[in-house]
Amino acid sequence: MKQLKNFLVLEDGAVTVDWVVLVALVVGFVIVTFTNIMDASEIFAGHIATYLTNWTF
């Protein structure tokens, strides 16, 4: 009975869940951001390569 009372009173578990959710959101945001940056940089590099290939002296 004491363990059940402690479980209901203590907030350690809730704080842990909050941190896990927060870290998961940050990791997801970083993954999405880096994916978009990588895609955009590949497209930009392709444009630069095309420009330099078609450049005549």
Protein backbone atom coordinates (compact mmCIF):
# COMPACT_ATOMS: atom_id res chain seq x y z
CA MET A 1 0.00 0.00 0.00
CA LYS A 2 2.88 2.37 0.76
CA GLN A 3 4.37 1.81 -2.69
CA LEU A 4 1.07 2.71 -4.37
CA LYS A 5 0.81 5.88 -2.28
CA ASN A 6 4.41 6.85 -3.17
CA PHE A 7 3.76 6.17 -6.85
CA LEU A 8 0.74 8.46 -6.86
CA VAL A 9 2.49 11.24 -4.91
CA LEU A 10 5.94 11.32 -6.53
CA GLU A 11 6.37 13.15 -9.82
CA ASP A 12 9.70 11.63 -10.89
CA GLY A 13 8.06 9.41 -13.50
CA ALA A 14 6.12 12.29 -15.02
CA VAL A 15 9.26 14.41 -15.28
CA THR A 16 11.07 11.54 -16.98
CA VAL A 17 8.27 11.17 -19.50
CA ASP A 18 8.36 14.91 -20.17
CA TRP A 19 12.10 14.78 -20.88
CA VAL A 20 11.76 11.73 -23.13
CA VAL A 21 9.05 13.42 -25.18
CA LEU A 22 11.03 16.66 -25.37
CA VAL A 23 14.21 14.91 -26.51
CA ALA A 24 12.26 12.86 -29.07
CA LEU A 25 10.76 16.04 -30.52
CA VAL A 26 14.16 17.73 -30.72
CA VAL A 27 15.74 14.70 -32.41
CA GLY A 28 12.85 14.53 -34.89
CA PHE A 29 13.21 18.24 -35.65
CA VAL A 30 16.96 17.86 -36.21
CA ILE A 31 16.46 14.90 -38.55
CA VAL A 32 13.85 16.78 -40.61
CA THR A 33 16.01 19.90 -40.73
CA PHE A 34 19.17 18.09 -41.82
CA THR A 35 17.24 16.13 -44.45
CA ASN A 36 15.88 19.34 -45.94
CA ILE A 37 19.29 21.02 -45.85
CA MET A 38 20.92 18.02 -47.54
CA ASP A 39 18.28 17.95 -50.29
CA ALA A 40 18.54 21.68 -50.89
CA SER A 41 22.34 21.62 -50.97
CA GLU A 42 22.33 18.76 -53.50
CA ILE A 43 20.00 20.75 -55.76
CA PHE A 44 22.11 23.89 -55.34
CA ALA A 45 25.30 21.94 -56.12
CA GLY A 46 23.63 20.60 -59.25
CA HIS A 47 22.80 24.12 -60.39
CA ILE A 48 26.38 25.23 -59.79
CA ALA A 49 27.73 22.23 -61.70
CA THR A 50 25.43 22.95 -64.63
CA TYR A 51 26.43 26.60 -64.66
CA LEU A 52 30.14 25.80 -64.58
CA THR A 53 29.78 23.10 -67.25
CA ASN A 54 28.04 25.50 -69.64
CA TRP A 55 30.47 28.34 -68.97
CA THR A 56 32.61 29.15 -71.96
CA PHE A 57 35.85 31.11 -72.08
